[in-house]
C-alpha atoms as a PDB file:
ATOM      1  CA  MET A   1     -11.890 -74.016 -66.149  1.00  0.00           C
ATOM      2  CA  LYS A   2     -14.169 -72.382 -65.275  1.00  0.00           C
ATOM      3  CA  SER A   3     -17.823 -71.709 -65.661  1.00  0.00           C
ATOM      4  CA  LYS A   4     -19.515 -68.201 -65.806  1.00  0.00           C
ATOM      5  CA  ASP A   5     -23.457 -69.328 -65.288  1.00  0.00           C
ATOM      6  CA  ILE A   6     -25.768 -66.390 -67.771  1.00  0.00           C
ATOM      7  CA  THR A   7     -29.094 -68.187 -67.134  1.00  0.00           C
ATOM      8  CA  PRO A   8     -30.710 -69.959 -64.352  1.00  0.00           C
ATOM      9  CA  ARG A   9     -30.824 -73.522 -64.032  1.00  0.00           C
ATOM     10  CA  ASN A  10     -34.393 -75.439 -64.102  1.00  0.00           C
ATOM     11  CA  LYS A  11     -36.321 -76.761 -61.342  1.00  0.00           C
ATOM     12  CA  LYS A  12     -34.160 -79.749 -61.089  1.00  0.00           C
ATOM     13  CA  GLY A  13     -30.978 -77.764 -61.198  1.00  0.00           C
ATOM     14  CA  GLU A  14     -29.891 -78.986 -64.471  1.00  0.00           C
ATOM     15  CA  ARG A  15     -28.495 -77.074 -66.979  1.00  0.00           C
ATOM     16  CA  HIS A  16     -30.581 -74.457 -69.045  1.00  0.00           C
ATOM     17  CA  GLY A  17     -29.654 -71.675 -71.105  1.00  0.00           C
ATOM     18  CA  TYR A  18     -26.790 -69.654 -72.931  1.00  0.00           C
ATOM     19  CA  TRP A  19     -22.987 -71.133 -70.948  1.00  0.00           C
ATOM     20  CA  GLU A  20     -19.857 -70.167 -71.671  1.00  0.00           C
ATOM     21  CA  TRP A  21     -16.308 -71.644 -70.261  1.00  0.00           C
ATOM     22  CA  TYR A  22     -13.459 -70.781 -69.913  1.00  0.00           C
ATOM     23  CA  TYR A  23      -9.972 -71.666 -69.924  1.00  0.00           C
ATOM     24  CA  ASP A  24      -7.413 -71.300 -67.273  1.00  0.00           C
ATOM     25  CA  ASN A  25      -5.602 -68.340 -69.449  1.00  0.00           C
ATOM     26  CA  GLY A  26      -8.770 -66.599 -69.315  1.00  0.00           C
ATOM     27  CA  GLN A  27      -9.221 -67.497 -73.912  1.00  0.00           C
ATOM     28  CA  LEU A  28     -13.456 -68.268 -74.638  1.00  0.00           C
ATOM     29  CA  TRP A  29     -13.483 -72.364 -74.622  1.00  0.00           C
ATOM     30  CA  TYR A  30     -17.304 -72.805 -75.518  1.00  0.00           C
ATOM     31  CA  LYS A  31     -20.651 -71.329 -76.053  1.00  0.00           C
ATOM     32  CA  GLY A  32     -23.777 -72.086 -76.426  1.00  0.00           C
ATOM     33  CA  ASN A  33     -27.283 -73.651 -74.944  1.00  0.00           C
ATOM     34  CA  TYR A  34     -28.499 -76.234 -72.744  1.00  0.00           C
ATOM     35  CA  VAL A  35     -31.422 -77.381 -72.942  1.00  0.00           C
ATOM     36  CA  ASN A  36     -32.256 -79.947 -69.442  1.00  0.00           C
ATOM     37  CA  ASP A  37     -28.676 -80.305 -69.473  1.00  0.00           C
ATOM     38  CA  LYS A  38     -27.867 -80.873 -73.198  1.00  0.00           C
ATOM     39  CA  GLN A  39     -26.397 -79.449 -75.821  1.00  0.00           C
ATOM     40  CA  HIS A  40     -29.253 -78.258 -77.952  1.00  0.00           C
ATOM     41  CA  GLY A  41     -28.614 -75.728 -80.611  1.00  0.00           C
ATOM     42  CA  TYR A  42     -25.580 -73.660 -81.648  1.00  0.00           C
ATOM     43  CA  TRP A  43     -22.379 -74.281 -80.244  1.00  0.00           C
ATOM     44  CA  GLU A  44     -19.318 -72.867 -80.507  1.00  0.00           C
ATOM     45  CA  GLU A  45     -15.897 -73.812 -79.480  1.00  0.00           C
ATOM     46  CA  TYR A  46     -12.305 -72.815 -78.960  1.00  0.00           C
ATOM     47  CA  HIS A  47      -8.710 -74.026 -79.572  1.00  0.00           C
ATOM     48  CA  TYR A  48      -6.943 -73.271 -75.975  1.00  0.00           C
ATOM     49  CA  ASN A  49      -5.276 -70.171 -78.009  1.00  0.00           C
ATOM     50  CA  GLY A  50      -8.406 -68.201 -79.114  1.00  0.00           C
ATOM     51  CA  GLN A  51      -9.331 -69.138 -81.864  1.00  0.00           C
ATOM     52  CA  LEU A  52     -11.873 -71.115 -83.078  1.00  0.00           C
ATOM     53  CA  TRP A  53     -11.764 -75.339 -82.688  1.00  0.00           C
ATOM     54  CA  ARG A  54     -16.315 -75.795 -83.942  1.00  0.00           C
ATOM     55  CA  LYS A  55     -18.798 -74.960 -84.697  1.00  0.00           C
ATOM     56  CA  GLY A  56     -22.082 -77.205 -84.790  1.00  0.00           C
ATOM     57  CA  ASN A  57     -25.733 -78.070 -83.632  1.00  0.00           C
ATOM     58  CA  TYR A  58     -26.628 -80.346 -81.047  1.00  0.00           C
ATOM     59  CA  LEU A  59     -29.841 -81.680 -80.983  1.00  0.00           C
ATOM     60  CA  ASN A  60     -30.517 -83.531 -77.159  1.00  0.00           C
ATOM     61  CA  GLY A  61     -27.081 -83.819 -76.632  1.00  0.00           C
ATOM     62  CA  TYR A  62     -25.783 -84.924 -79.740  1.00  0.00           C
ATOM     63  CA  GLU A  63     -24.229 -83.696 -82.564  1.00  0.00           C
ATOM     64  CA  HIS A  64     -26.754 -82.867 -85.997  1.00  0.00           C
ATOM     65  CA  GLY A  65     -26.426 -81.476 -88.976  1.00  0.00           C
ATOM     66  CA  TYR A  66     -23.360 -78.792 -90.292  1.00  0.00           C
ATOM     67  CA  TRP A  67     -20.493 -78.677 -88.196  1.00  0.00           C
ATOM     68  CA  GLU A  68     -16.524 -76.896 -89.417  1.00  0.00           C
ATOM     69  CA  TYR A  69     -13.490 -78.117 -87.742  1.00  0.00           C
ATOM     70  CA  TYR A  70      -9.994 -75.272 -87.427  1.00  0.00           C
ATOM     71  CA  TYR A  71      -6.490 -76.258 -87.309  1.00  0.00           C
ATOM     72  CA  TYR A  72      -5.021 -74.457 -84.464  1.00  0.00           C
ATOM     73  CA  ASP A  73      -4.388 -71.832 -86.543  1.00  0.00           C
ATOM     74  CA  GLY A  74      -7.972 -71.507 -87.867  1.00  0.00           C
ATOM     75  CA  GLN A  75      -7.522 -72.672 -91.341  1.00  0.00           C
ATOM     76  CA  LEU A  76     -10.827 -74.980 -92.075  1.00  0.00           C
ATOM     77  CA  HIS A  77      -9.395 -79.426 -90.337  1.00  0.00           C
ATOM     78  CA  PHE A  78     -12.601 -80.592 -91.456  1.00  0.00           C
ATOM     79  CA  LYS A  79     -16.386 -80.181 -92.507  1.00  0.00           C
ATOM     80  CA  GLY A  80     -19.708 -82.304 -93.189  1.00  0.00           C
ATOM     81  CA  ASN A  81     -23.430 -83.103 -91.323  1.00  0.00           C
ATOM     82  CA  TYR A  82     -24.096 -85.386 -88.343  1.00  0.00           C
ATOM     83  CA  VAL A  83     -27.014 -87.117 -87.692  1.00  0.00           C
ATOM     84  CA  ASN A  84     -27.838 -88.470 -84.059  1.00  0.00           C
ATOM     85  CA  GLY A  85     -23.842 -87.729 -83.069  1.00  0.00           C
ATOM     86  CA  LYS A  86     -22.684 -90.179 -85.673  1.00  0.00           C
ATOM     87  CA  GLN A  87     -21.291 -88.571 -89.653  1.00  0.00           C
ATOM     88  CA  HIS A  88     -23.680 -89.234 -92.346  1.00  0.00           C
ATOM     89  CA  GLY A  89     -23.368 -88.563 -95.768  1.00  0.00           C
ATOM     90  CA  TYR A  90     -20.205 -87.018 -97.359  1.00  0.00           C
ATOM     91  CA  TRP A  91     -17.669 -85.528 -95.283  1.00  0.00           C
ATOM     92  CA  GLU A  92     -13.760 -82.881 -96.436  1.00  0.00           C
ATOM     93  CA  GLU A  93     -10.960 -83.162 -95.012  1.00  0.00           C
ATOM     94  CA  TYR A  94      -8.236 -80.227 -95.560  1.00  0.00           C
ATOM     95  CA  TYR A  95      -4.446 -79.917 -95.586  1.00  0.00           C
ATOM     96  CA  ARG A  96      -4.007 -75.954 -93.696  1.00  0.00           C
ATOM     97  CA  ASN A  97      -2.940 -75.320 -97.515  1.00  0.00           C
ATOM     98  CA  GLY A  98      -6.353 -75.268 -98.264  1.00  0.00           C
ATOM     99  CA  GLU A  99      -6.662 -78.271-100.422  1.00  0.00           C
ATOM    100  CA  LEU A 100      -8.859 -81.412-100.469  1.00  0.00           C
ATOM    101  CA  ILE A 101      -6.579 -84.395 -98.335  1.00  0.00           C
ATOM    102  CA  SER A 102      -9.947 -86.434 -98.537  1.00  0.00           C
ATOM    103  CA  LYS A 103     -13.316 -86.444 -98.825  1.00  0.00           C
ATOM    104  CA  THR A 104     -15.341 -89.775 -97.635  1.00  0.00           C
ATOM    105  CA  TYR A 105     -19.487 -90.676 -96.877  1.00  0.00           C
ATOM    106  CA  TYR A 106     -20.483 -92.098 -94.074  1.00  0.00           C
ATOM    107  CA  ILE A 107     -23.743 -94.193 -93.724  1.00  0.00           C
END
């Protein structure tokens, strides 16, 4: 895996700003922002084949808000919300054909 540091680090040498990481095959692995070495804001992460794996927001290094996860072929797998890195509220899981498998409520 290789990283591409597009913006400088902060004064402490921590990741700060927009970053991209790539698989050894050259495909994008993930892209998003860091603030003081913590993931923060909108992120996208990809499967090894280049298909989107998941997308959503981070808040101070934790998944926070609405997220979607995708199968290796690009079909929606899961969707739901996080609060400070923990699943919260309704989460839905789907078969590859788009049919709903389950709907689970997390507290």
